[in-house]
Amino acid sequence: MAGDTLKATTDAAGLAAMISRAAAQTAGGKPSLPPVERWEPPFCGDIDMEIRADGTWFYMGTPIGRAPLVRLFSTVLRKDEDGKTYLVTPVEKVGIRVEDAPFLAVEMSVTERDGDKVMTFRTNVGDVVEAGPGHALRFVVHGENHELKPYLHVRGRLEALVSRAVMYDLVEQGETVEIDEVEMFAVRSGGAIFPVMPAAELDRLAQ
């Protein structure tokens, strides 16, 4: 029990120190994100932090209720080639758990630019991302119930899961297009076409 208490105290102190270092990288109201992709600090182990599928962040089993703190941590997230997600500062890299995607797309607007439809998404941590050639949408049909799960590329290897409410608005923007001689149900944004699924499969799911 004493060892567990000491570990909890150490973890809390380490987290406080990391908060301070992360804040130092985003201080001054800079509009740009920290250059986490360029940092190569040593790996310092995993910490008991998890991002749930609904976008809630947990530390040591307790939700992190302070939105500014979650936003701060989100700016120093990085997913590496090993498929794991880390919090990264210039002096350390610590692993965290991500249940699904690290971000959740909670709002979508549709506008037109130069004759092209543009879909813009806002994430639960305040990122605003236009779907297009640099920020792809991908679609996964998941589980026995064939649940459609759209994902939006945000930055680096990080994605946002499109929330269910926004997904319905997104699917309403869909149309049937021919891709490689196959009729596909797809959405367009920023001049790019993102296939959702074969049109025939969509018809089967709708039955």
N, C-alpha and C. Protein backbone atom coordinates (compact mmCIF):
# COMPACT_ATOMS: atom_id res chain seq x y z
N MET A 1 0.84 -1.21 0.00
CA MET A 1 0.00 0.00 0.00
C MET A 1 0.87 1.25 0.00
N ALA A 2 1.93 1.24 0.86
CA ALA A 2 2.82 2.40 0.89
C ALA A 2 3.49 2.62 -0.44
N GLY A 3 3.85 1.48 -1.11
CA GLY A 3 4.48 1.59 -2.42
C GLY A 3 3.54 2.20 -3.43
N ASP A 4 2.25 1.79 -3.38
CA ASP A 4 1.26 2.34 -4.31
C ASP A 4 1.09 3.84 -4.07
N THR A 5 1.09 4.24 -2.79
CA THR A 5 0.93 5.66 -2.48
C THR A 5 2.12 6.46 -3.00
N LEU A 6 3.32 5.90 -2.81
CA LEU A 6 4.52 6.58 -3.30
C LEU A 6 4.49 6.71 -4.81
N LYS A 7 4.07 5.62 -5.50
CA LYS A 7 4.00 5.67 -6.96
C LYS A 7 3.00 6.72 -7.41
N ALA A 8 1.83 6.78 -6.76
CA ALA A 8 0.81 7.77 -7.13
C ALA A 8 1.34 9.18 -6.94
N THR A 9 2.06 9.38 -5.82
CA THR A 9 2.62 10.70 -5.56
C THR A 9 3.66 11.07 -6.61
N THR A 10 4.51 10.08 -6.95
CA THR A 10 5.55 10.31 -7.96
C THR A 10 4.92 10.60 -9.31
N ASP A 11 3.89 9.80 -9.69
CA ASP A 11 3.22 10.03 -10.97
C ASP A 11 2.60 11.42 -11.01
N ALA A 12 1.96 11.83 -9.92
CA ALA A 12 1.33 13.14 -9.87
C ALA A 12 2.36 14.25 -10.01
N ALA A 13 3.50 14.08 -9.32
CA ALA A 13 4.56 15.08 -9.43
C ALA A 13 5.13 15.13 -10.84
N GLY A 14 5.30 13.93 -11.44
CA GLY A 14 5.81 13.88 -12.80
C GLY A 14 4.85 14.51 -13.78
N LEU A 15 3.56 14.28 -13.56
CA LEU A 15 2.57 14.89 -14.44
C LEU A 15 2.58 16.41 -14.30
N ALA A 16 2.69 16.89 -13.08
CA ALA A 16 2.74 18.34 -12.87
C ALA A 16 3.95 18.95 -13.58
N ALA A 17 5.08 18.25 -13.53
CA ALA A 17 6.27 18.74 -14.20
C ALA A 17 6.08 18.74 -15.72
N MET A 18 5.42 17.69 -16.22
CA MET A 18 5.18 17.64 -17.67
C MET A 18 4.21 18.74 -18.09
N ILE A 19 3.19 19.01 -17.27
CA ILE A 19 2.27 20.11 -17.57
C ILE A 19 3.04 21.41 -17.72
N SER A 20 3.97 21.63 -16.79
CA SER A 20 4.77 22.86 -16.83
C SER A 20 5.60 22.94 -18.10
N ARG A 21 6.22 21.82 -18.49
CA ARG A 21 7.06 21.83 -19.69
C ARG A 21 6.22 21.98 -20.95
N ALA A 22 5.05 21.30 -20.99
CA ALA A 22 4.17 21.43 -22.15
C ALA A 22 3.67 22.85 -22.28
N ALA A 23 3.31 23.48 -21.14
CA ALA A 23 2.81 24.85 -21.16
C ALA A 23 3.88 25.80 -21.68
N ALA A 24 5.14 25.51 -21.34
CA ALA A 24 6.22 26.37 -21.80
C ALA A 24 6.35 26.35 -23.32
N GLN A 25 5.98 25.22 -23.93
CA GLN A 25 6.08 25.11 -25.39
C GLN A 25 4.93 25.82 -26.10
N THR A 26 3.84 26.08 -25.40
CA THR A 26 2.68 26.69 -26.03
C THR A 26 2.38 28.06 -25.45
N ALA A 27 3.32 28.62 -24.71
CA ALA A 27 3.09 29.92 -24.06
C ALA A 27 3.15 31.05 -25.07
N GLY A 28 2.60 32.18 -24.67
CA GLY A 28 2.70 33.38 -25.50
C GLY A 28 1.62 33.52 -26.53
N GLY A 29 0.61 32.63 -26.47
CA GLY A 29 -0.49 32.75 -27.42
C GLY A 29 -0.09 32.47 -28.86
N LYS A 30 0.93 31.62 -29.04
CA LYS A 30 1.38 31.31 -30.39
C LYS A 30 0.28 30.56 -31.14
N PRO A 31 -0.01 30.96 -32.40
CA PRO A 31 -1.06 30.27 -33.14
C PRO A 31 -0.63 28.89 -33.63
N SER A 32 0.70 28.66 -33.76
CA SER A 32 1.17 27.39 -34.29
C SER A 32 1.33 26.37 -33.16
N LEU A 33 1.26 25.10 -33.55
CA LEU A 33 1.43 24.01 -32.59
C LEU A 33 2.91 23.74 -32.36
N PRO A 34 3.27 23.18 -31.22
CA PRO A 34 4.67 22.83 -30.99
C PRO A 34 5.15 21.84 -32.06
N PRO A 35 6.42 21.90 -32.44
CA PRO A 35 6.93 21.02 -33.51
C PRO A 35 7.27 19.63 -32.98
N VAL A 36 6.27 18.93 -32.48
CA VAL A 36 6.53 17.64 -31.82
C VAL A 36 7.13 16.61 -32.77
N GLU A 37 6.85 16.73 -34.08
CA GLU A 37 7.38 15.76 -35.03
C GLU A 37 8.90 15.87 -35.14
N ARG A 38 9.46 17.01 -34.78
CA ARG A 38 10.92 17.20 -34.90
C ARG A 38 11.66 16.84 -33.61
N TRP A 39 10.95 16.67 -32.53
CA TRP A 39 11.61 16.38 -31.25
C TRP A 39 11.92 14.89 -31.14
N GLU A 40 13.10 14.57 -30.63
CA GLU A 40 13.50 13.18 -30.43
C GLU A 40 14.03 12.99 -29.01
N PRO A 41 13.17 13.21 -28.01
CA PRO A 41 13.61 13.03 -26.62
C PRO A 41 13.65 11.55 -26.25
N PRO A 42 14.28 11.21 -25.14
CA PRO A 42 14.29 9.81 -24.70
C PRO A 42 12.91 9.36 -24.22
N PHE A 43 12.63 8.08 -24.41
CA PHE A 43 11.39 7.49 -23.91
C PHE A 43 11.51 7.29 -22.41
N CYS A 44 10.55 7.81 -21.67
CA CYS A 44 10.60 7.77 -20.20
C CYS A 44 9.57 6.82 -19.60
N GLY A 45 9.01 5.93 -20.41
CA GLY A 45 8.04 4.97 -19.90
C GLY A 45 6.60 5.41 -20.15
N ASP A 46 5.68 4.58 -19.72
CA ASP A 46 4.25 4.85 -19.87
C ASP A 46 3.71 5.50 -18.59
N ILE A 47 2.68 6.33 -18.77
CA ILE A 47 1.97 6.87 -17.62
C ILE A 47 0.52 6.41 -17.68
N ASP A 48 -0.16 6.47 -16.56
CA ASP A 48 -1.54 5.98 -16.46
C ASP A 48 -2.50 7.05 -16.97
N MET A 49 -2.44 7.28 -18.27
CA MET A 49 -3.34 8.24 -18.91
C MET A 49 -3.99 7.55 -20.10
N GLU A 50 -5.28 7.80 -20.28
CA GLU A 50 -6.03 7.15 -21.36
C GLU A 50 -7.00 8.13 -21.98
N ILE A 51 -7.14 8.03 -23.29
CA ILE A 51 -8.18 8.78 -24.02
C ILE A 51 -9.24 7.77 -24.44
N ARG A 52 -10.43 7.92 -23.89
CA ARG A 52 -11.52 6.99 -24.21
C ARG A 52 -12.11 7.31 -25.60
N ALA A 53 -12.93 6.37 -26.09
CA ALA A 53 -13.50 6.52 -27.43
C ALA A 53 -14.42 7.73 -27.53
N ASP A 54 -15.00 8.16 -26.41
CA ASP A 54 -15.88 9.33 -26.44
C ASP A 54 -15.12 10.65 -26.32
N GLY A 55 -13.78 10.58 -26.33
CA GLY A 55 -12.96 11.79 -26.27
C GLY A 55 -12.57 12.23 -24.87
N THR A 56 -13.06 11.51 -23.83
CA THR A 56 -12.73 11.89 -22.45
C THR A 56 -11.33 11.42 -22.09
N TRP A 57 -10.56 12.31 -21.49
CA TRP A 57 -9.22 11.98 -21.02
C TRP A 57 -9.28 11.57 -19.55
N PHE A 58 -8.56 10.50 -19.22
CA PHE A 58 -8.48 10.01 -17.85
C PHE A 58 -7.02 9.98 -17.41
N TYR A 59 -6.80 10.34 -16.14
CA TYR A 59 -5.48 10.18 -15.53
C TYR A 59 -5.64 9.42 -14.23
N MET A 60 -4.97 8.27 -14.15
CA MET A 60 -5.06 7.39 -12.99
C MET A 60 -6.52 7.06 -12.67
N GLY A 61 -7.30 6.80 -13.72
CA GLY A 61 -8.68 6.39 -13.57
C GLY A 61 -9.68 7.49 -13.33
N THR A 62 -9.23 8.73 -13.27
CA THR A 62 -10.11 9.86 -12.99
C THR A 62 -10.19 10.77 -14.21
N PRO A 63 -11.40 11.19 -14.64
CA PRO A 63 -11.51 12.08 -15.79
C PRO A 63 -10.78 13.40 -15.54
N ILE A 64 -10.12 13.89 -16.55
CA ILE A 64 -9.51 15.22 -16.48
C ILE A 64 -10.58 16.22 -16.89
N GLY A 65 -11.11 16.93 -15.92
CA GLY A 65 -12.26 17.80 -16.17
C GLY A 65 -11.92 19.18 -16.68
N ARG A 66 -10.67 19.57 -16.64
CA ARG A 66 -10.28 20.92 -17.06
C ARG A 66 -9.99 20.95 -18.55
N ALA A 67 -10.90 21.56 -19.32
CA ALA A 67 -10.75 21.60 -20.77
C ALA A 67 -9.43 22.24 -21.21
N PRO A 68 -8.97 23.34 -20.58
CA PRO A 68 -7.69 23.93 -21.01
C PRO A 68 -6.51 22.97 -20.83
N LEU A 69 -6.57 22.12 -19.80
CA LEU A 69 -5.50 21.17 -19.57
C LEU A 69 -5.51 20.07 -20.64
N VAL A 70 -6.70 19.60 -21.00
CA VAL A 70 -6.81 18.61 -22.06
C VAL A 70 -6.31 19.19 -23.38
N ARG A 71 -6.69 20.43 -23.65
CA ARG A 71 -6.23 21.09 -24.86
C ARG A 71 -4.71 21.19 -24.87
N LEU A 72 -4.14 21.54 -23.74
CA LEU A 72 -2.68 21.65 -23.63
C LEU A 72 -2.01 20.33 -23.96
N PHE A 73 -2.49 19.25 -23.33
CA PHE A 73 -1.90 17.95 -23.61
C PHE A 73 -2.08 17.54 -25.07
N SER A 74 -3.22 17.90 -25.66
CA SER A 74 -3.49 17.50 -27.04
C SER A 74 -2.48 18.11 -28.02
N THR A 75 -1.90 19.25 -27.65
CA THR A 75 -0.94 19.90 -28.54
C THR A 75 0.41 19.22 -28.55
N VAL A 76 0.69 18.36 -27.56
CA VAL A 76 1.97 17.66 -27.53
C VAL A 76 1.78 16.15 -27.71
N LEU A 77 0.68 15.77 -28.35
CA LEU A 77 0.45 14.37 -28.69
C LEU A 77 1.19 14.02 -29.98
N ARG A 78 1.67 12.79 -30.03
CA ARG A 78 2.30 12.30 -31.26
C ARG A 78 2.10 10.79 -31.36
N LYS A 79 1.75 10.32 -32.54
CA LYS A 79 1.66 8.88 -32.78
C LYS A 79 2.84 8.50 -33.65
N ASP A 80 3.61 7.53 -33.18
CA ASP A 80 4.83 7.15 -33.88
C ASP A 80 4.61 5.95 -34.78
N GLU A 81 5.67 5.55 -35.50
CA GLU A 81 5.57 4.45 -36.44
C GLU A 81 5.24 3.13 -35.76
N ASP A 82 5.50 3.03 -34.46
CA ASP A 82 5.18 1.81 -33.75
C ASP A 82 3.69 1.68 -33.44
N GLY A 83 2.91 2.67 -33.85
CA GLY A 83 1.47 2.64 -33.64
C GLY A 83 1.02 3.12 -32.28
N LYS A 84 1.97 3.48 -31.40
CA LYS A 84 1.63 3.95 -30.07
C LYS A 84 1.57 5.47 -30.04
N THR A 85 0.81 6.00 -29.07
CA THR A 85 0.64 7.44 -28.93
C THR A 85 1.38 7.92 -27.69
N TYR A 86 2.03 9.07 -27.83
CA TYR A 86 2.87 9.60 -26.76
C TYR A 86 2.57 11.07 -26.50
N LEU A 87 2.85 11.51 -25.28
CA LEU A 87 2.99 12.92 -24.98
C LEU A 87 4.47 13.24 -25.11
N VAL A 88 4.79 14.30 -25.87
CA VAL A 88 6.18 14.58 -26.21
C VAL A 88 6.52 16.02 -25.88
N THR A 89 7.59 16.22 -25.16
CA THR A 89 8.18 17.54 -24.97
C THR A 89 9.63 17.44 -25.44
N PRO A 90 10.37 18.54 -25.48
CA PRO A 90 11.76 18.44 -25.94
C PRO A 90 12.63 17.53 -25.07
N VAL A 91 12.21 17.24 -23.83
CA VAL A 91 13.09 16.48 -22.94
C VAL A 91 12.55 15.10 -22.57
N GLU A 92 11.34 14.74 -22.98
CA GLU A 92 10.79 13.44 -22.60
C GLU A 92 9.70 13.00 -23.56
N LYS A 93 9.49 11.68 -23.59
CA LYS A 93 8.40 11.08 -24.35
C LYS A 93 7.80 9.99 -23.48
N VAL A 94 6.49 10.11 -23.18
CA VAL A 94 5.82 9.13 -22.33
C VAL A 94 4.62 8.56 -23.07
N GLY A 95 4.41 7.27 -22.89
CA GLY A 95 3.32 6.60 -23.58
C GLY A 95 2.00 6.73 -22.86
N ILE A 96 0.92 6.86 -23.62
CA ILE A 96 -0.43 6.86 -23.07
C ILE A 96 -1.27 5.87 -23.85
N ARG A 97 -2.46 5.54 -23.34
CA ARG A 97 -3.37 4.62 -24.01
C ARG A 97 -4.45 5.40 -24.75
N VAL A 98 -4.80 4.94 -25.93
CA VAL A 98 -5.87 5.55 -26.71
C VAL A 98 -6.84 4.44 -27.12
N GLU A 99 -8.06 4.55 -26.65
CA GLU A 99 -9.05 3.48 -26.90
C GLU A 99 -9.43 3.38 -28.36
N ASP A 100 -9.57 4.51 -29.03
CA ASP A 100 -9.94 4.51 -30.45
C ASP A 100 -9.07 5.54 -31.17
N ALA A 101 -9.57 6.76 -31.33
CA ALA A 101 -8.78 7.85 -31.91
C ALA A 101 -8.54 8.89 -30.81
N PRO A 102 -7.44 9.66 -30.89
CA PRO A 102 -7.17 10.62 -29.82
C PRO A 102 -8.11 11.81 -29.81
N PHE A 103 -8.72 12.11 -30.94
CA PHE A 103 -9.61 13.26 -31.02
C PHE A 103 -11.01 12.81 -31.46
N LEU A 104 -11.99 13.68 -31.23
CA LEU A 104 -13.37 13.43 -31.64
C LEU A 104 -13.85 14.65 -32.42
N ALA A 105 -14.32 14.43 -33.63
CA ALA A 105 -14.89 15.51 -34.44
C ALA A 105 -16.33 15.73 -34.00
N VAL A 106 -16.62 16.90 -33.45
CA VAL A 106 -17.91 17.14 -32.81
C VAL A 106 -18.78 18.12 -33.58
N GLU A 107 -18.26 18.71 -34.63
CA GLU A 107 -19.05 19.70 -35.39
C GLU A 107 -18.54 19.72 -36.82
N MET A 108 -19.45 19.94 -37.76
CA MET A 108 -19.09 20.02 -39.18
C MET A 108 -19.87 21.14 -39.84
N SER A 109 -19.21 21.90 -40.69
CA SER A 109 -19.90 22.89 -41.52
C SER A 109 -19.54 22.64 -42.97
N VAL A 110 -20.45 22.98 -43.85
CA VAL A 110 -20.24 22.77 -45.29
C VAL A 110 -20.34 24.11 -46.00
N THR A 111 -19.30 24.46 -46.73
CA THR A 111 -19.26 25.70 -47.51
C THR A 111 -18.82 25.36 -48.92
N GLU A 112 -18.71 26.40 -49.74
CA GLU A 112 -18.25 26.22 -51.12
C GLU A 112 -17.13 27.19 -51.40
N ARG A 113 -16.09 26.69 -52.08
CA ARG A 113 -14.96 27.53 -52.44
C ARG A 113 -14.51 27.18 -53.86
N ASP A 114 -14.52 28.18 -54.72
CA ASP A 114 -14.10 27.98 -56.12
C ASP A 114 -14.85 26.83 -56.77
N GLY A 115 -16.12 26.72 -56.45
CA GLY A 115 -16.95 25.69 -57.05
C GLY A 115 -16.86 24.33 -56.39
N ASP A 116 -15.98 24.18 -55.38
CA ASP A 116 -15.83 22.91 -54.68
C ASP A 116 -16.48 22.96 -53.30
N LYS A 117 -17.11 21.87 -52.93
CA LYS A 117 -17.63 21.75 -51.57
C LYS A 117 -16.46 21.59 -50.60
N VAL A 118 -16.55 22.27 -49.46
CA VAL A 118 -15.53 22.15 -48.42
C VAL A 118 -16.21 21.82 -47.11
N MET A 119 -15.81 20.70 -46.51
CA MET A 119 -16.34 20.30 -45.21
C MET A 119 -15.28 20.60 -44.15
N THR A 120 -15.65 21.41 -43.17
CA THR A 120 -14.75 21.81 -42.11
C THR A 120 -15.24 21.22 -40.79
N PHE A 121 -14.31 20.62 -40.05
CA PHE A 121 -14.65 19.94 -38.80
C PHE A 121 -13.98 20.64 -37.62
N ARG A 122 -14.66 20.62 -36.49
CA ARG A 122 -14.07 21.08 -35.23
C ARG A 122 -13.97 19.89 -34.30
N THR A 123 -12.81 19.74 -33.66
CA THR A 123 -12.63 18.62 -32.74
C THR A 123 -12.96 19.03 -31.32
N ASN A 124 -13.02 18.05 -30.45
CA ASN A 124 -13.34 18.29 -29.04
C ASN A 124 -12.24 19.06 -28.31
N VAL A 125 -11.05 19.16 -28.91
CA VAL A 125 -9.97 19.92 -28.28
C VAL A 125 -9.68 21.22 -29.03
N GLY A 126 -10.59 21.61 -29.94
CA GLY A 126 -10.49 22.93 -30.55
C GLY A 126 -9.80 23.01 -31.88
N ASP A 127 -9.31 21.90 -32.43
CA ASP A 127 -8.72 21.94 -33.76
C ASP A 127 -9.81 22.17 -34.80
N VAL A 128 -9.52 22.98 -35.80
CA VAL A 128 -10.43 23.20 -36.93
C VAL A 128 -9.72 22.70 -38.18
N VAL A 129 -10.33 21.71 -38.85
CA VAL A 129 -9.65 21.01 -39.93
C VAL A 129 -10.57 20.93 -41.15
N GLU A 130 -10.06 21.33 -42.30
CA GLU A 130 -10.79 21.18 -43.56
C GLU A 130 -10.42 19.84 -44.20
N ALA A 131 -11.43 19.02 -44.46
CA ALA A 131 -11.18 17.78 -45.17
C ALA A 131 -10.78 18.10 -46.60
N GLY A 132 -9.76 17.43 -47.08
CA GLY A 132 -9.27 17.68 -48.43
C GLY A 132 -8.02 16.86 -48.68
N PRO A 133 -7.24 17.22 -49.70
CA PRO A 133 -6.06 16.42 -50.04
C PRO A 133 -5.07 16.25 -48.88
N GLY A 134 -4.95 17.27 -48.03
CA GLY A 134 -4.01 17.19 -46.92
C GLY A 134 -4.60 16.62 -45.64
N HIS A 135 -5.92 16.47 -45.61
CA HIS A 135 -6.60 15.97 -44.42
C HIS A 135 -7.70 15.01 -44.87
N ALA A 136 -7.31 13.78 -45.06
CA ALA A 136 -8.20 12.79 -45.66
C ALA A 136 -9.26 12.30 -44.69
N LEU A 137 -10.38 11.91 -45.25
CA LEU A 137 -11.40 11.16 -44.52
C LEU A 137 -11.27 9.69 -44.90
N ARG A 138 -11.36 8.81 -43.92
CA ARG A 138 -11.41 7.38 -44.23
C ARG A 138 -12.58 6.77 -43.46
N PHE A 139 -13.10 5.68 -43.98
CA PHE A 139 -14.30 5.09 -43.41
C PHE A 139 -14.07 3.61 -43.14
N VAL A 140 -14.49 3.18 -41.95
CA VAL A 140 -14.35 1.79 -41.54
C VAL A 140 -15.73 1.26 -41.18
N VAL A 141 -16.06 0.07 -41.66
CA VAL A 141 -17.28 -0.61 -41.24
C VAL A 141 -16.87 -1.60 -40.16
N HIS A 142 -17.38 -1.37 -38.94
CA HIS A 142 -16.84 -2.06 -37.76
C HIS A 142 -17.88 -2.94 -37.11
N GLY A 143 -17.46 -4.14 -36.70
CA GLY A 143 -18.27 -4.99 -35.85
C GLY A 143 -19.39 -5.74 -36.57
N GLU A 144 -20.05 -6.59 -35.77
CA GLU A 144 -21.13 -7.41 -36.32
C GLU A 144 -22.32 -6.58 -36.78
N ASN A 145 -22.49 -5.41 -36.17
CA ASN A 145 -23.60 -4.55 -36.55
C ASN A 145 -23.27 -3.64 -37.74
N HIS A 146 -22.09 -3.84 -38.32
CA HIS A 146 -21.66 -3.06 -39.48
C HIS A 146 -21.75 -1.55 -39.21
N GLU A 147 -21.19 -1.15 -38.09
CA GLU A 147 -21.21 0.26 -37.70
C GLU A 147 -20.21 1.05 -38.56
N LEU A 148 -20.69 2.13 -39.15
CA LEU A 148 -19.83 2.97 -39.98
C LEU A 148 -19.09 3.96 -39.08
N LYS A 149 -17.77 3.96 -39.18
CA LYS A 149 -16.95 4.85 -38.36
C LYS A 149 -16.04 5.67 -39.27
N PRO A 150 -16.34 6.97 -39.41
CA PRO A 150 -15.47 7.82 -40.22
C PRO A 150 -14.35 8.41 -39.36
N TYR A 151 -13.17 8.56 -39.96
CA TYR A 151 -12.03 9.17 -39.30
C TYR A 151 -11.48 10.30 -40.17
N LEU A 152 -11.05 11.37 -39.53
CA LEU A 152 -10.48 12.52 -40.21
C LEU A 152 -9.03 12.68 -39.79
N HIS A 153 -8.14 12.80 -40.76
CA HIS A 153 -6.73 13.06 -40.44
C HIS A 153 -6.60 14.49 -39.92
N VAL A 154 -6.00 14.64 -38.75
CA VAL A 154 -5.84 15.95 -38.13
C VAL A 154 -4.43 16.49 -38.34
N ARG A 155 -3.42 15.74 -37.87
CA ARG A 155 -2.02 16.13 -38.08
C ARG A 155 -1.13 14.94 -37.74
N GLY A 156 0.06 14.93 -38.35
CA GLY A 156 0.95 13.81 -38.13
C GLY A 156 0.26 12.50 -38.46
N ARG A 157 0.27 11.58 -37.50
CA ARG A 157 -0.48 10.31 -37.65
C ARG A 157 -1.75 10.32 -36.80
N LEU A 158 -2.16 11.48 -36.33
CA LEU A 158 -3.30 11.58 -35.42
C LEU A 158 -4.59 11.80 -36.19
N GLU A 159 -5.63 11.11 -35.77
CA GLU A 159 -6.94 11.22 -36.40
C GLU A 159 -8.00 11.59 -35.39
N ALA A 160 -9.12 12.06 -35.90
CA ALA A 160 -10.32 12.29 -35.09
C ALA A 160 -11.40 11.32 -35.55
N LEU A 161 -12.02 10.65 -34.61
CA LEU A 161 -13.21 9.86 -34.90
C LEU A 161 -14.37 10.83 -35.05
N VAL A 162 -15.11 10.72 -36.13
CA VAL A 162 -16.26 11.60 -36.34
C VAL A 162 -17.40 11.09 -35.47
N SER A 163 -17.92 11.95 -34.60
CA SER A 163 -18.98 11.55 -33.67
C SER A 163 -20.21 11.08 -34.43
N ARG A 164 -21.02 10.30 -33.77
CA ARG A 164 -22.19 9.72 -34.44
C ARG A 164 -23.12 10.80 -34.99
N ALA A 165 -23.37 11.85 -34.21
CA ALA A 165 -24.27 12.91 -34.68
C ALA A 165 -23.72 13.58 -35.93
N VAL A 166 -22.41 13.84 -35.93
CA VAL A 166 -21.79 14.48 -37.10
C VAL A 166 -21.72 13.51 -38.27
N MET A 167 -21.57 12.22 -37.98
CA MET A 167 -21.51 11.22 -39.04
C MET A 167 -22.76 11.25 -39.90
N TYR A 168 -23.93 11.42 -39.27
CA TYR A 168 -25.17 11.46 -40.05
C TYR A 168 -25.17 12.67 -41.00
N ASP A 169 -24.69 13.81 -40.52
CA ASP A 169 -24.60 14.98 -41.39
C ASP A 169 -23.59 14.73 -42.51
N LEU A 170 -22.50 14.04 -42.19
CA LEU A 170 -21.48 13.75 -43.19
C LEU A 170 -22.02 12.84 -44.28
N VAL A 171 -22.72 11.79 -43.88
CA VAL A 171 -23.26 10.83 -44.85
C VAL A 171 -24.29 11.49 -45.76
N GLU A 172 -25.01 12.46 -45.23
CA GLU A 172 -25.99 13.18 -46.07
C GLU A 172 -25.33 13.90 -47.23
N GLN A 173 -24.03 14.17 -47.12
CA GLN A 173 -23.30 14.84 -48.20
C GLN A 173 -22.83 13.85 -49.26
N GLY A 174 -23.12 12.56 -49.07
CA GLY A 174 -22.61 11.53 -49.96
C GLY A 174 -23.31 11.50 -51.31
N GLU A 175 -22.61 10.90 -52.26
CA GLU A 175 -23.13 10.73 -53.62
C GLU A 175 -22.48 9.49 -54.22
N THR A 176 -23.06 9.00 -55.30
CA THR A 176 -22.51 7.85 -55.99
C THR A 176 -21.59 8.31 -57.11
N VAL A 177 -20.35 7.84 -57.09
CA VAL A 177 -19.38 8.18 -58.12
C VAL A 177 -18.71 6.89 -58.58
N GLU A 178 -18.14 6.93 -59.77
CA GLU A 178 -17.44 5.77 -60.29
C GLU A 178 -15.95 5.92 -60.02
N ILE A 179 -15.37 4.96 -59.32
CA ILE A 179 -13.94 4.96 -59.01
C ILE A 179 -13.37 3.62 -59.46
N ASP A 180 -12.44 3.66 -60.41
CA ASP A 180 -11.83 2.43 -60.95
C ASP A 180 -12.91 1.46 -61.43
N GLU A 181 -13.89 2.02 -62.14
CA GLU A 181 -14.97 1.25 -62.77
C GLU A 181 -15.89 0.58 -61.75
N VAL A 182 -15.88 1.08 -60.52
CA VAL A 182 -16.78 0.56 -59.48
C VAL A 182 -17.64 1.70 -58.97
N GLU A 183 -18.96 1.48 -58.88
CA GLU A 183 -19.85 2.49 -58.33
C GLU A 183 -19.63 2.57 -56.82
N MET A 184 -19.21 3.74 -56.36
CA MET A 184 -18.90 3.92 -54.95
C MET A 184 -19.76 5.03 -54.36
N PHE A 185 -20.19 4.82 -53.11
CA PHE A 185 -20.79 5.90 -52.35
C PHE A 185 -19.63 6.67 -51.73
N ALA A 186 -19.57 7.99 -51.96
CA ALA A 186 -18.41 8.78 -51.55
C ALA A 186 -18.83 10.18 -51.16
N VAL A 187 -17.92 10.89 -50.50
CA VAL A 187 -18.12 12.30 -50.18
C VAL A 187 -16.99 13.09 -50.80
N ARG A 188 -17.28 14.36 -51.09
CA ARG A 188 -16.29 15.25 -51.68
C ARG A 188 -16.01 16.40 -50.72
N SER A 189 -14.75 16.83 -50.70
CA SER A 189 -14.38 18.02 -49.92
C SER A 189 -13.04 18.55 -50.40
N GLY A 190 -12.98 19.84 -50.63
CA GLY A 190 -11.73 20.47 -51.03
C GLY A 190 -11.15 19.93 -52.31
N GLY A 191 -12.00 19.46 -53.21
CA GLY A 191 -11.53 18.92 -54.49
C GLY A 191 -11.12 17.46 -54.44
N ALA A 192 -11.22 16.82 -53.28
CA ALA A 192 -10.87 15.42 -53.13
C ALA A 192 -12.13 14.57 -52.97
N ILE A 193 -12.04 13.33 -53.40
CA ILE A 193 -13.14 12.38 -53.26
C ILE A 193 -12.72 11.30 -52.27
N PHE A 194 -13.57 11.05 -51.29
CA PHE A 194 -13.28 10.04 -50.27
C PHE A 194 -14.33 8.95 -50.32
N PRO A 195 -13.96 7.76 -50.80
CA PRO A 195 -14.94 6.67 -50.89
C PRO A 195 -15.36 6.17 -49.51
N VAL A 196 -16.65 5.94 -49.36
CA VAL A 196 -17.19 5.41 -48.11
C VAL A 196 -17.29 3.89 -48.20
N MET A 197 -17.96 3.41 -49.23
CA MET A 197 -18.12 1.98 -49.46
C MET A 197 -18.71 1.79 -50.86
N PRO A 198 -18.62 0.57 -51.41
CA PRO A 198 -19.30 0.32 -52.68
C PRO A 198 -20.79 0.61 -52.57
N ALA A 199 -21.35 1.20 -53.61
CA ALA A 199 -22.77 1.55 -53.58
C ALA A 199 -23.65 0.33 -53.36
N ALA A 200 -23.25 -0.83 -53.90
CA ALA A 200 -24.04 -2.05 -53.73
C ALA A 200 -24.05 -2.48 -52.27
N GLU A 201 -22.92 -2.30 -51.58
CA GLU A 201 -22.87 -2.67 -50.15
C GLU A 201 -23.77 -1.73 -49.34
N LEU A 202 -23.78 -0.44 -49.70
CA LEU A 202 -24.64 0.50 -49.01
C LEU A 202 -26.10 0.11 -49.18
N ASP A 203 -26.48 -0.32 -50.38
CA ASP A 203 -27.85 -0.74 -50.63
C ASP A 203 -28.22 -1.95 -49.77
N ARG A 204 -27.26 -2.87 -49.56
CA ARG A 204 -27.54 -4.04 -48.73
C ARG A 204 -27.72 -3.64 -47.28
N LEU A 205 -26.90 -2.71 -46.80
CA LEU A 205 -27.01 -2.29 -45.41
C LEU A 205 -28.31 -1.53 -45.16
N ALA A 206 -28.82 -0.87 -46.20
CA ALA A 206 -30.05 -0.08 -46.04
C ALA A 206 -31.30 -0.94 -46.03
N GLN A 207 -31.15 -2.20 -46.46
CA GLN A 207 -32.33 -3.06 -46.53
C GLN A 207 -32.74 -3.58 -45.15
